[in-house]
Amino acid sequence: MTNWTTLKQLMKPALLVALLGGMSLLATSNMLVSQQGDSRNSGDHGDNPVVGSLPCYVEPELDLMFGGNATSGMFPVATLAMVGGTDLSNQVFDADGVPYGLVNRGGFGMFTKLGLVNPGSITVSRSDATKGFMQLRQWIPDAYIGGTISMVSSIGNPSRTILDNDLELPLMMMAAAPGPVAHARITVKGPTGEEDTLVIFISVVGNLVTVVYVP
């Protein structure tokens, strides 16, 4: 069975950058706090920033979950995150989904991590993803340890046992896939079958990469 490392070695950097349209999630909530329009351009999102169309909470503890010393006891909820450097807030073209999303910092143009705990989507540049300007990571509770993460995609179908709470997903590998289009369906399952199955779709078309999260 092909593993993640072998697949990554087989990939060649793609020069194509692209457009993906028509992937958005319709979301309604009684708790929806919309600060789009003028407030989105005011320079300060306050406590409820909006990224794309997604209202978010400011959650500094994302820094502990992804790259820190977090434990599952501290963060028992599965969380998908786009993790980047200081330019991530400018590199996320769009985000949408069920409120709320999470950002690690408040203030306009300041966040370096964007998280999803509910169904949602994040779109970034294929060129940026190919260059490794951001990572796609999945945080999972301890109940998933010993389970399986598997991928069915246009470039291969690897699978491996889950050994850690913080999983890196193959965003760069998918973005670097040859040809104008690539797609993957990643499934995260716990060892007992009693845990909720987490599904992550990565779609690459033209200039953009869109990640859709279905927890």
Protein backbone atom coordinates (compact mmCIF):
# COMPACT_ATOMS: atom_id res chain seq x y z
CA MET A 1 0.00 0.00 0.00
CA THR A 2 1.34 3.43 -0.95
CA ASN A 3 2.12 5.58 2.09
CA TRP A 4 2.06 9.35 2.58
CA THR A 5 5.84 9.77 2.25
CA THR A 6 6.04 7.80 -0.99
CA LEU A 7 3.21 9.79 -2.53
CA LYS A 8 4.84 13.06 -1.56
CA GLN A 9 8.12 12.00 -3.15
CA LEU A 10 6.33 11.11 -6.38
CA MET A 11 4.75 14.53 -6.72
CA LYS A 12 6.32 17.22 -8.90
CA PRO A 13 5.70 20.92 -8.19
CA ALA A 14 2.86 22.22 -10.31
CA LEU A 15 3.16 25.53 -12.09
CA LEU A 16 -0.58 25.76 -12.61
CA VAL A 17 -2.65 28.04 -10.43
CA ALA A 18 -6.39 27.87 -10.55
CA LEU A 19 -10.05 28.67 -10.15
CA LEU A 20 -12.60 26.61 -8.28
CA GLY A 21 -16.14 27.84 -8.20
CA GLY A 22 -19.45 26.65 -6.98
CA MET A 23 -18.29 25.22 -3.61
CA SER A 24 -19.98 27.00 -0.77
CA LEU A 25 -22.00 25.76 2.15
CA LEU A 26 -25.38 27.18 3.03
CA ALA A 27 -25.46 27.86 6.75
CA THR A 28 -28.11 29.28 9.08
CA SER A 29 -27.96 29.80 12.81
CA ASN A 30 -29.86 31.70 15.46
CA MET A 31 -26.45 32.70 16.82
CA LEU A 32 -25.20 34.18 13.56
CA VAL A 33 -23.38 37.44 14.19
CA SER A 34 -22.74 39.18 10.88
CA GLN A 35 -20.15 41.91 10.71
CA GLN A 36 -19.76 42.03 6.97
CA GLY A 37 -20.10 45.17 4.88
CA ASP A 38 -18.57 48.34 6.29
CA SER A 39 -17.33 46.71 9.48
CA ARG A 40 -15.34 44.17 7.48
CA ASN A 41 -13.33 47.02 5.97
CA SER A 42 -13.07 49.16 9.10
CA GLY A 43 -9.69 47.75 10.12
CA ASP A 44 -10.83 45.96 13.28
CA HIS A 45 -13.19 43.02 13.47
CA GLY A 46 -13.43 43.19 17.24
CA ASP A 47 -14.42 40.00 19.04
CA ASN A 48 -16.38 38.58 16.08
CA PRO A 49 -14.23 38.77 12.96
CA VAL A 50 -15.68 37.61 9.65
CA VAL A 51 -13.43 35.68 7.26
CA GLY A 52 -15.03 35.52 3.85
CA SER A 53 -18.64 34.85 4.81
CA LEU A 54 -17.83 32.98 8.02
CA PRO A 55 -18.35 34.65 11.41
CA CYS A 56 -15.56 33.59 13.75
CA TYR A 57 -14.55 33.61 17.39
CA VAL A 58 -11.11 34.79 18.40
CA GLU A 59 -9.52 31.68 19.96
CA PRO A 60 -5.85 32.21 20.90
CA GLU A 61 -5.59 28.60 22.06
CA LEU A 62 -5.43 27.51 18.41
CA ASP A 63 -1.73 28.30 18.82
CA LEU A 64 -1.48 25.57 21.46
CA MET A 65 -3.45 23.04 19.42
CA PHE A 66 -1.36 23.49 16.30
CA GLY A 67 2.32 23.83 17.08
CA GLY A 68 2.09 24.08 20.87
CA ASN A 69 1.96 21.62 23.73
CA ALA A 70 -1.77 20.97 23.85
CA THR A 71 -3.34 17.77 25.14
CA SER A 72 -6.61 16.18 24.16
CA GLY A 73 -7.94 16.87 27.65
CA MET A 74 -7.50 20.59 27.00
CA PHE A 75 -9.20 20.47 23.60
CA PRO A 76 -11.70 17.60 23.30
CA VAL A 77 -13.35 18.84 20.07
CA ALA A 78 -12.15 17.84 16.59
CA THR A 79 -10.89 20.93 14.76
CA LEU A 80 -9.64 21.44 11.20
CA ALA A 81 -7.24 24.33 10.70
CA MET A 82 -5.44 26.18 7.96
CA VAL A 83 -2.11 27.13 9.53
CA GLY A 84 0.15 29.72 7.94
CA GLY A 85 2.57 32.52 8.57
CA THR A 86 1.96 36.22 9.03
CA ASP A 87 0.32 36.54 5.59
CA LEU A 88 -2.36 33.86 6.07
CA SER A 89 -5.13 36.43 6.55
CA ASN A 90 -4.33 37.77 3.08
CA GLN A 91 -3.90 34.31 1.54
CA VAL A 92 -7.34 32.95 2.48
CA PHE A 93 -9.51 33.90 -0.47
CA ASP A 94 -12.78 32.81 1.11
CA ALA A 95 -14.29 30.91 4.01
CA ASP A 96 -17.88 29.87 4.53
CA GLY A 97 -19.93 27.48 6.61
CA VAL A 98 -21.81 27.00 9.86
CA PRO A 99 -20.91 29.59 12.53
CA TYR A 100 -18.66 29.83 14.25
CA GLY A 101 -15.21 29.49 12.77
CA LEU A 102 -12.10 30.24 14.82
CA VAL A 103 -9.15 32.60 14.33
CA ASN A 104 -6.21 32.79 16.67
CA ARG A 105 -6.01 36.59 16.70
CA GLY A 106 -8.40 39.50 16.47
CA GLY A 107 -7.94 42.63 14.45
CA PHE A 108 -8.10 43.05 10.70
CA GLY A 109 -5.48 41.07 8.79
CA MET A 110 -3.84 39.57 11.86
CA PHE A 111 -4.76 35.88 12.13
CA THR A 112 -2.28 33.14 11.29
CA LYS A 113 -4.58 30.19 11.97
CA LEU A 114 -8.17 29.68 10.77
CA GLY A 115 -10.09 26.79 12.32
CA LEU A 116 -13.35 24.95 11.65
CA VAL A 117 -15.25 22.90 14.21
CA ASN A 118 -18.49 22.90 12.20
CA PRO A 119 -19.13 22.11 8.51
CA GLY A 120 -17.40 24.71 6.38
CA SER A 121 -14.97 25.51 3.60
CA ILE A 122 -11.69 27.39 3.15
CA THR A 123 -10.22 28.48 -0.19
CA VAL A 124 -6.56 29.38 -0.81
CA SER A 125 -4.26 29.89 -3.77
CA ARG A 126 -2.93 26.74 -5.39
CA SER A 127 0.40 28.43 -5.94
CA ASP A 128 0.69 29.36 -2.25
CA ALA A 129 -0.26 25.83 -1.17
CA THR A 130 2.26 24.31 -3.57
CA LYS A 131 5.01 26.47 -2.07
CA GLY A 132 4.07 25.39 1.45
CA PHE A 133 2.96 28.83 2.60
CA MET A 134 0.25 27.14 4.67
CA GLN A 135 -0.53 23.70 6.11
CA LEU A 136 -3.82 21.89 6.56
CA ARG A 137 -4.03 20.18 9.96
CA GLN A 138 -6.63 18.15 11.84
CA TRP A 139 -6.84 18.11 15.64
CA ILE A 140 -8.56 15.04 17.08
CA PRO A 141 -9.42 13.88 20.62
CA ASP A 142 -7.70 10.87 22.18
CA ALA A 143 -10.64 8.65 21.24
CA TYR A 144 -9.37 8.63 17.63
CA ILE A 145 -5.87 7.41 18.50
CA GLY A 146 -5.40 3.94 17.04
CA GLY A 147 -7.98 4.59 14.38
CA THR A 148 -7.35 5.15 10.67
CA ILE A 149 -6.84 8.13 8.39
CA SER A 150 -7.31 7.22 4.74
CA MET A 151 -7.46 9.06 1.45
CA VAL A 152 -9.17 8.26 -1.83
CA SER A 153 -7.89 10.65 -4.48
CA SER A 154 -6.90 11.26 -8.08
CA ILE A 155 -3.23 10.74 -7.12
CA GLY A 156 -3.41 7.70 -4.87
CA ASN A 157 -5.17 6.00 -1.98
CA PRO A 158 -2.89 5.90 1.10
CA SER A 159 -3.97 4.88 4.59
CA ARG A 160 -2.25 4.85 7.98
CA THR A 161 -2.90 4.36 11.67
CA ILE A 162 -3.56 7.48 13.75
CA LEU A 163 -0.84 7.97 16.37
CA ASP A 164 -1.13 11.68 17.25
CA ASN A 165 -3.74 14.30 18.07
CA ASP A 166 -2.37 16.75 15.50
CA LEU A 167 -2.50 15.35 11.96
CA GLU A 168 -0.96 17.03 8.92
CA LEU A 169 -3.11 16.59 5.81
CA PRO A 170 -1.70 16.49 2.23
CA LEU A 171 -2.60 20.02 1.10
CA MET A 172 0.77 20.69 -0.57
CA MET A 173 0.76 17.29 -2.25
CA MET A 174 -2.70 17.85 -3.71
CA ALA A 175 -1.87 21.38 -4.86
CA ALA A 176 1.29 20.08 -6.60
CA ALA A 177 -0.59 17.34 -8.45
CA PRO A 178 0.00 17.38 -12.22
CA GLY A 179 -2.80 18.65 -14.42
CA PRO A 180 -5.40 21.36 -13.89
CA VAL A 181 -7.69 19.31 -11.63
CA ALA A 182 -7.14 17.08 -8.60
CA HIS A 183 -9.42 15.89 -5.83
CA ALA A 184 -9.26 13.91 -2.60
CA ARG A 185 -11.60 12.60 0.07
CA ILE A 186 -9.88 12.09 3.42
CA THR A 187 -11.63 10.11 6.14
CA VAL A 188 -10.68 10.04 9.83
CA LYS A 189 -12.16 7.19 11.85
CA GLY A 190 -11.69 6.12 15.45
CA PRO A 191 -10.68 2.58 16.42
CA THR A 192 -14.04 1.51 17.86
CA GLY A 193 -16.42 2.86 15.24
CA GLU A 194 -18.31 4.76 17.93
CA GLU A 195 -16.56 8.05 17.19
CA ASP A 196 -17.97 10.45 14.60
CA THR A 197 -16.32 10.00 11.21
CA LEU A 198 -14.57 13.15 10.03
CA VAL A 199 -14.42 13.83 6.28
CA ILE A 200 -12.23 16.40 4.54
CA PHE A 201 -12.52 17.08 0.80
CA ILE A 202 -9.67 18.79 -1.05
CA SER A 203 -10.56 20.06 -4.53
CA VAL A 204 -8.00 21.60 -6.86
CA VAL A 205 -9.26 23.29 -10.01
CA GLY A 206 -7.39 25.95 -11.89
CA ASN A 207 -5.98 28.61 -9.57
CA LEU A 208 -7.55 27.67 -6.25
CA VAL A 209 -7.65 24.90 -3.69
CA THR A 210 -10.87 24.53 -1.73
CA VAL A 211 -11.06 22.45 1.44
CA VAL A 212 -14.48 21.33 2.63
CA TYR A 213 -14.85 19.99 6.17
CA VAL A 214 -17.69 17.65 7.15
CA PRO A 215 -17.31 16.69 10.84
